[in-house]
Amino acid sequence: MDNARDLIGEIGANIKTLRLAKGLQQKEVASMTGVSVSQYGRIENGLTKSSIVVLLRMAEALEVSLDMLIYGEKTEIDKEPIVLKDKDLVEKMKQLDRLSDKDKELAHQMLDLLLAKMRFKELMNDL
């Protein structure tokens, strides 16, 4: 991404693609996320930035991770090898597979939220 405006446009395009794949109308997703239809249209068309709360609601409504909502199919994470330097974090990651399915989902949601928070801060710093 060259700048924050490009990212906002990309997020909007991702949201539209995901909405259409689910067979939903703008007004349905707008209702599920608590925004007006006109505001939803501006988000989808890349004309306005959204709060992290709205993006989280959209990800939930579209049944995708926040990372998928923001970056779509082409995440940089998939292109680079994962290297964790924090040994404590590595040990904790190894233990995640032992969690119940419900707890694994909670861990995924927590990580999505933390990563989204970081990316959102980066996005706001670029504006």
N, C-alpha and C. Protein backbone atom coordinates (compact mmCIF):
# COMPACT_ATOMS: atom_id res chain seq x y z
N MET A 1 0.83 -1.18 0.00
CA MET A 1 0.00 0.00 0.00
C MET A 1 0.88 1.24 0.00
N ASP A 2 0.56 2.19 -0.84
CA ASP A 2 1.34 3.40 -0.92
C ASP A 2 1.01 4.35 0.23
N ASN A 3 -0.27 4.43 0.57
CA ASN A 3 -0.63 5.33 1.65
C ASN A 3 -1.94 4.89 2.29
N ALA A 4 -2.34 5.64 3.31
CA ALA A 4 -3.55 5.27 4.06
C ALA A 4 -4.80 5.30 3.20
N ARG A 5 -4.89 6.25 2.27
CA ARG A 5 -6.08 6.31 1.41
C ARG A 5 -6.21 5.06 0.54
N ASP A 6 -5.08 4.55 0.08
CA ASP A 6 -5.10 3.29 -0.69
C ASP A 6 -5.61 2.15 0.18
N LEU A 7 -5.16 2.12 1.44
CA LEU A 7 -5.57 1.06 2.34
C LEU A 7 -7.07 1.16 2.63
N ILE A 8 -7.57 2.37 2.82
CA ILE A 8 -9.01 2.57 3.06
C ILE A 8 -9.81 2.07 1.87
N GLY A 9 -9.34 2.36 0.66
CA GLY A 9 -10.00 1.87 -0.55
C GLY A 9 -9.94 0.36 -0.65
N GLU A 10 -8.80 -0.20 -0.31
CA GLU A 10 -8.63 -1.66 -0.35
C GLU A 10 -9.55 -2.35 0.66
N ILE A 11 -9.65 -1.77 1.85
CA ILE A 11 -10.55 -2.33 2.87
C ILE A 11 -11.98 -2.30 2.35
N GLY A 12 -12.39 -1.19 1.77
CA GLY A 12 -13.74 -1.08 1.22
C GLY A 12 -14.00 -2.13 0.15
N ALA A 13 -13.03 -2.32 -0.74
CA ALA A 13 -13.17 -3.33 -1.80
C ALA A 13 -13.26 -4.73 -1.21
N ASN A 14 -12.46 -5.00 -0.17
CA ASN A 14 -12.53 -6.30 0.49
C ASN A 14 -13.90 -6.53 1.12
N ILE A 15 -14.41 -5.50 1.77
CA ILE A 15 -15.73 -5.61 2.41
C ILE A 15 -16.79 -5.91 1.36
N LYS A 16 -16.74 -5.20 0.25
CA LYS A 16 -17.72 -5.42 -0.82
C LYS A 16 -17.62 -6.84 -1.36
N THR A 17 -16.41 -7.30 -1.63
CA THR A 17 -16.21 -8.66 -2.15
C THR A 17 -16.76 -9.70 -1.18
N LEU A 18 -16.47 -9.52 0.11
CA LEU A 18 -16.94 -10.47 1.12
C LEU A 18 -18.47 -10.43 1.25
N ARG A 19 -19.04 -9.23 1.19
CA ARG A 19 -20.50 -9.09 1.28
C ARG A 19 -21.18 -9.79 0.11
N LEU A 20 -20.66 -9.55 -1.10
CA LEU A 20 -21.25 -10.18 -2.28
C LEU A 20 -21.11 -11.70 -2.24
N ALA A 21 -19.98 -12.17 -1.73
CA ALA A 21 -19.76 -13.62 -1.62
C ALA A 21 -20.77 -14.26 -0.68
N LYS A 22 -21.23 -13.49 0.31
CA LYS A 22 -22.23 -13.99 1.26
C LYS A 22 -23.66 -13.79 0.75
N GLY A 23 -23.79 -13.08 -0.38
CA GLY A 23 -25.12 -12.83 -0.93
C GLY A 23 -25.93 -11.84 -0.12
N LEU A 24 -25.24 -10.91 0.53
CA LEU A 24 -25.91 -9.93 1.37
C LEU A 24 -26.01 -8.58 0.66
N GLN A 25 -27.01 -7.81 1.04
CA GLN A 25 -27.16 -6.45 0.53
C GLN A 25 -26.50 -5.48 1.50
N GLN A 26 -26.16 -4.29 1.00
CA GLN A 26 -25.53 -3.29 1.86
C GLN A 26 -26.38 -3.01 3.09
N LYS A 27 -27.69 -2.88 2.90
CA LYS A 27 -28.55 -2.53 4.04
C LYS A 27 -28.55 -3.62 5.11
N GLU A 28 -28.34 -4.87 4.71
CA GLU A 28 -28.29 -5.96 5.68
C GLU A 28 -27.04 -5.86 6.55
N VAL A 29 -25.90 -5.64 5.91
CA VAL A 29 -24.65 -5.54 6.66
C VAL A 29 -24.64 -4.26 7.50
N ALA A 30 -25.17 -3.19 6.94
CA ALA A 30 -25.26 -1.93 7.68
C ALA A 30 -26.07 -2.14 8.96
N SER A 31 -27.19 -2.83 8.85
CA SER A 31 -28.03 -3.11 10.01
C SER A 31 -27.30 -3.97 11.03
N MET A 32 -26.58 -4.98 10.57
CA MET A 32 -25.85 -5.87 11.48
C MET A 32 -24.71 -5.15 12.19
N THR A 33 -24.19 -4.10 11.59
CA THR A 33 -23.04 -3.40 12.16
C THR A 33 -23.40 -2.10 12.87
N GLY A 34 -24.65 -1.70 12.76
CA GLY A 34 -25.09 -0.50 13.46
C GLY A 34 -24.70 0.81 12.80
N VAL A 35 -24.47 0.79 11.48
CA VAL A 35 -24.19 2.03 10.77
C VAL A 35 -25.31 2.28 9.77
N SER A 36 -25.45 3.52 9.35
CA SER A 36 -26.47 3.83 8.35
C SER A 36 -26.06 3.23 7.01
N VAL A 37 -27.03 3.05 6.14
CA VAL A 37 -26.75 2.50 4.82
C VAL A 37 -25.82 3.44 4.04
N SER A 38 -26.04 4.75 4.17
CA SER A 38 -25.19 5.70 3.45
C SER A 38 -23.75 5.65 3.96
N GLN A 39 -23.59 5.55 5.28
CA GLN A 39 -22.24 5.44 5.85
C GLN A 39 -21.58 4.13 5.40
N TYR A 40 -22.36 3.05 5.39
CA TYR A 40 -21.82 1.77 4.94
C TYR A 40 -21.35 1.88 3.48
N GLY A 41 -22.14 2.53 2.65
CA GLY A 41 -21.77 2.71 1.25
C GLY A 41 -20.47 3.48 1.10
N ARG A 42 -20.29 4.50 1.93
CA ARG A 42 -19.05 5.29 1.88
C ARG A 42 -17.85 4.44 2.31
N ILE A 43 -18.06 3.58 3.31
CA ILE A 43 -16.98 2.69 3.75
C ILE A 43 -16.62 1.72 2.64
N GLU A 44 -17.64 1.11 2.05
CA GLU A 44 -17.42 0.12 1.00
C GLU A 44 -16.77 0.74 -0.24
N ASN A 45 -17.05 1.99 -0.50
CA ASN A 45 -16.48 2.68 -1.66
C ASN A 45 -15.16 3.36 -1.35
N GLY A 46 -14.66 3.18 -0.13
CA GLY A 46 -13.36 3.73 0.24
C GLY A 46 -13.35 5.23 0.39
N LEU A 47 -14.50 5.81 0.71
CA LEU A 47 -14.60 7.26 0.82
C LEU A 47 -14.44 7.77 2.25
N THR A 48 -14.43 6.86 3.21
CA THR A 48 -14.29 7.26 4.61
C THR A 48 -13.62 6.16 5.40
N LYS A 49 -12.95 6.54 6.46
CA LYS A 49 -12.33 5.54 7.33
C LYS A 49 -13.36 5.11 8.38
N SER A 50 -13.14 3.93 8.93
CA SER A 50 -14.05 3.37 9.93
C SER A 50 -13.34 3.22 11.26
N SER A 51 -14.12 3.21 12.30
CA SER A 51 -13.54 2.92 13.61
C SER A 51 -13.24 1.43 13.69
N ILE A 52 -12.37 1.08 14.58
CA ILE A 52 -12.02 -0.33 14.78
C ILE A 52 -13.25 -1.11 15.22
N VAL A 53 -14.13 -0.49 15.98
CA VAL A 53 -15.34 -1.16 16.44
C VAL A 53 -16.23 -1.54 15.26
N VAL A 54 -16.41 -0.61 14.33
CA VAL A 54 -17.23 -0.89 13.14
C VAL A 54 -16.59 -1.99 12.31
N LEU A 55 -15.27 -1.95 12.14
CA LEU A 55 -14.59 -2.99 11.37
C LEU A 55 -14.74 -4.35 12.04
N LEU A 56 -14.65 -4.38 13.36
CA LEU A 56 -14.85 -5.65 14.08
C LEU A 56 -16.27 -6.17 13.88
N ARG A 57 -17.25 -5.28 13.93
CA ARG A 57 -18.64 -5.69 13.70
C ARG A 57 -18.84 -6.21 12.28
N MET A 58 -18.19 -5.56 11.32
CA MET A 58 -18.30 -6.01 9.93
C MET A 58 -17.67 -7.39 9.75
N ALA A 59 -16.50 -7.58 10.36
CA ALA A 59 -15.85 -8.89 10.27
C ALA A 59 -16.75 -9.97 10.87
N GLU A 60 -17.37 -9.66 11.99
CA GLU A 60 -18.28 -10.62 12.62
C GLU A 60 -19.50 -10.88 11.73
N ALA A 61 -20.08 -9.84 11.20
CA ALA A 61 -21.26 -9.98 10.34
C ALA A 61 -20.94 -10.79 9.08
N LEU A 62 -19.74 -10.61 8.55
CA LEU A 62 -19.34 -11.30 7.32
C LEU A 62 -18.65 -12.64 7.61
N GLU A 63 -18.52 -12.94 8.90
CA GLU A 63 -17.95 -14.22 9.36
C GLU A 63 -16.53 -14.44 8.85
N VAL A 64 -15.71 -13.40 9.00
CA VAL A 64 -14.30 -13.47 8.61
C VAL A 64 -13.46 -12.86 9.72
N SER A 65 -12.16 -13.11 9.67
CA SER A 65 -11.26 -12.48 10.62
C SER A 65 -11.07 -11.02 10.23
N LEU A 66 -10.66 -10.23 11.18
CA LEU A 66 -10.39 -8.83 10.90
C LEU A 66 -9.25 -8.69 9.90
N ASP A 67 -8.28 -9.57 9.99
CA ASP A 67 -7.17 -9.57 9.05
C ASP A 67 -7.68 -9.79 7.62
N MET A 68 -8.61 -10.71 7.44
CA MET A 68 -9.19 -10.99 6.12
C MET A 68 -9.96 -9.76 5.63
N LEU A 69 -10.67 -9.11 6.53
CA LEU A 69 -11.44 -7.93 6.17
C LEU A 69 -10.50 -6.81 5.68
N ILE A 70 -9.40 -6.64 6.36
CA ILE A 70 -8.48 -5.55 6.03
C ILE A 70 -7.61 -5.89 4.83
N TYR A 71 -7.07 -7.09 4.81
CA TYR A 71 -6.10 -7.43 3.77
C TYR A 71 -6.61 -8.39 2.71
N GLY A 72 -7.78 -8.94 2.89
CA GLY A 72 -8.31 -9.89 1.91
C GLY A 72 -7.49 -11.16 1.87
N GLU A 73 -7.42 -11.79 0.73
CA GLU A 73 -6.72 -13.06 0.58
C GLU A 73 -5.21 -12.92 0.64
N LYS A 74 -4.71 -11.77 0.27
CA LYS A 74 -3.27 -11.61 0.09
C LYS A 74 -2.59 -10.94 1.29
N THR A 75 -2.44 -11.68 2.36
CA THR A 75 -1.78 -11.13 3.53
C THR A 75 -0.28 -11.31 3.42
N GLU A 76 0.44 -10.36 3.92
CA GLU A 76 1.90 -10.44 3.93
C GLU A 76 2.37 -11.58 4.81
N ILE A 77 1.58 -11.93 5.80
CA ILE A 77 1.94 -13.02 6.71
C ILE A 77 2.12 -14.32 5.93
N ASP A 78 1.29 -14.54 4.92
CA ASP A 78 1.37 -15.76 4.13
C ASP A 78 2.62 -15.81 3.26
N LYS A 79 3.22 -14.68 2.97
CA LYS A 79 4.34 -14.62 2.05
C LYS A 79 5.69 -14.72 2.74
N GLU A 80 5.73 -14.51 4.04
CA GLU A 80 6.99 -14.48 4.75
C GLU A 80 7.06 -15.63 5.75
N PRO A 81 8.27 -16.19 5.95
CA PRO A 81 8.40 -17.22 6.99
C PRO A 81 8.18 -16.58 8.36
N ILE A 82 7.63 -17.35 9.27
CA ILE A 82 7.36 -16.84 10.61
C ILE A 82 8.58 -17.08 11.49
N VAL A 83 9.10 -16.00 12.04
CA VAL A 83 10.25 -16.08 12.93
C VAL A 83 9.86 -15.37 14.22
N LEU A 84 9.76 -16.15 15.30
CA LEU A 84 9.43 -15.57 16.60
C LEU A 84 10.68 -15.55 17.46
N LYS A 85 11.08 -14.37 17.89
CA LYS A 85 12.30 -14.22 18.68
C LYS A 85 12.01 -14.33 20.17
N ASP A 86 10.78 -14.11 20.55
CA ASP A 86 10.38 -14.17 21.95
C ASP A 86 10.13 -15.64 22.33
N LYS A 87 11.07 -16.22 23.06
CA LYS A 87 11.00 -17.66 23.39
C LYS A 87 9.77 -17.99 24.24
N ASP A 88 9.39 -17.11 25.14
CA ASP A 88 8.20 -17.34 25.96
C ASP A 88 6.96 -17.39 25.08
N LEU A 89 6.89 -16.51 24.10
CA LEU A 89 5.76 -16.51 23.16
C LEU A 89 5.73 -17.79 22.33
N VAL A 90 6.89 -18.26 21.91
CA VAL A 90 6.98 -19.51 21.15
C VAL A 90 6.41 -20.66 21.97
N GLU A 91 6.79 -20.75 23.23
CA GLU A 91 6.29 -21.83 24.10
C GLU A 91 4.78 -21.75 24.28
N LYS A 92 4.27 -20.55 24.44
CA LYS A 92 2.82 -20.39 24.60
C LYS A 92 2.09 -20.76 23.31
N MET A 93 2.66 -20.40 22.17
CA MET A 93 2.04 -20.75 20.89
C MET A 93 1.97 -22.27 20.72
N LYS A 94 3.01 -22.97 21.14
CA LYS A 94 3.02 -24.42 21.04
C LYS A 94 1.90 -25.06 21.86
N GLN A 95 1.54 -24.44 22.96
CA GLN A 95 0.52 -24.99 23.84
C GLN A 95 -0.91 -24.68 23.38
N LEU A 96 -1.07 -23.74 22.48
CA LEU A 96 -2.41 -23.37 22.03
C LEU A 96 -3.19 -24.53 21.43
N ASP A 97 -2.50 -25.44 20.79
CA ASP A 97 -3.17 -26.57 20.16
C ASP A 97 -3.84 -27.49 21.17
N ARG A 98 -3.45 -27.40 22.41
CA ARG A 98 -4.04 -28.24 23.46
C ARG A 98 -5.33 -27.66 24.02
N LEU A 99 -5.66 -26.45 23.65
CA LEU A 99 -6.89 -25.81 24.14
C LEU A 99 -8.13 -26.44 23.52
N SER A 100 -9.25 -26.25 24.19
CA SER A 100 -10.53 -26.69 23.62
C SER A 100 -10.82 -25.83 22.39
N ASP A 101 -11.71 -26.31 21.54
CA ASP A 101 -12.07 -25.55 20.34
C ASP A 101 -12.60 -24.17 20.70
N LYS A 102 -13.39 -24.10 21.75
CA LYS A 102 -13.96 -22.82 22.19
C LYS A 102 -12.84 -21.86 22.63
N ASP A 103 -11.89 -22.37 23.38
CA ASP A 103 -10.79 -21.52 23.83
C ASP A 103 -9.85 -21.13 22.68
N LYS A 104 -9.68 -22.03 21.71
CA LYS A 104 -8.88 -21.69 20.53
C LYS A 104 -9.52 -20.54 19.77
N GLU A 105 -10.84 -20.59 19.63
CA GLU A 105 -11.55 -19.52 18.93
C GLU A 105 -11.39 -18.20 19.68
N LEU A 106 -11.46 -18.25 21.00
CA LEU A 106 -11.27 -17.05 21.81
C LEU A 106 -9.85 -16.51 21.63
N ALA A 107 -8.86 -17.40 21.60
CA ALA A 107 -7.47 -16.97 21.38
C ALA A 107 -7.32 -16.31 20.00
N HIS A 108 -7.97 -16.89 18.99
CA HIS A 108 -7.94 -16.29 17.65
C HIS A 108 -8.54 -14.89 17.66
N GLN A 109 -9.67 -14.75 18.33
CA GLN A 109 -10.33 -13.45 18.37
C GLN A 109 -9.48 -12.42 19.10
N MET A 110 -8.85 -12.84 20.19
CA MET A 110 -8.00 -11.93 20.95
C MET A 110 -6.80 -11.49 20.11
N LEU A 111 -6.18 -12.43 19.42
CA LEU A 111 -5.04 -12.08 18.55
C LEU A 111 -5.48 -11.18 17.41
N ASP A 112 -6.63 -11.49 16.80
CA ASP A 112 -7.16 -10.63 15.73
C ASP A 112 -7.35 -9.21 16.23
N LEU A 113 -7.91 -9.08 17.42
CA LEU A 113 -8.16 -7.75 17.98
C LEU A 113 -6.85 -7.00 18.24
N LEU A 114 -5.88 -7.67 18.83
CA LEU A 114 -4.60 -7.01 19.11
C LEU A 114 -3.89 -6.59 17.82
N LEU A 115 -3.90 -7.47 16.82
CA LEU A 115 -3.26 -7.14 15.55
C LEU A 115 -4.00 -6.03 14.82
N ALA A 116 -5.32 -6.08 14.90
CA ALA A 116 -6.11 -5.02 14.27
C ALA A 116 -5.86 -3.68 14.94
N LYS A 117 -5.73 -3.69 16.24
CA LYS A 117 -5.43 -2.47 16.98
C LYS A 117 -4.10 -1.88 16.51
N MET A 118 -3.09 -2.74 16.35
CA MET A 118 -1.78 -2.29 15.90
C MET A 118 -1.88 -1.70 14.49
N ARG A 119 -2.57 -2.40 13.59
CA ARG A 119 -2.69 -1.93 12.21
C ARG A 119 -3.51 -0.65 12.13
N PHE A 120 -4.53 -0.55 12.96
CA PHE A 120 -5.36 0.65 12.99
C PHE A 120 -4.54 1.85 13.43
N LYS A 121 -3.69 1.67 14.45
CA LYS A 121 -2.81 2.76 14.88
C LYS A 121 -1.85 3.17 13.77
N GLU A 122 -1.31 2.17 13.06
CA GLU A 122 -0.43 2.47 11.94
C GLU A 122 -1.17 3.25 10.86
N LEU A 123 -2.40 2.84 10.58
CA LEU A 123 -3.21 3.51 9.57
C LEU A 123 -3.47 4.95 9.97
N MET A 124 -3.81 5.19 11.21
CA MET A 124 -4.10 6.55 11.67
C MET A 124 -2.84 7.42 11.65
N ASN A 125 -1.69 6.81 11.90
CA ASN A 125 -0.43 7.57 11.85
C ASN A 125 -0.07 7.98 10.43
N ASP A 126 -0.55 7.21 9.44
CA ASP A 126 -0.26 7.52 8.04
C ASP A 126 -1.12 8.65 7.49
N LEU A 127 -2.22 8.96 8.15
CA LEU A 127 -3.13 10.01 7.65
C LEU A 127 -2.62 11.39 7.98
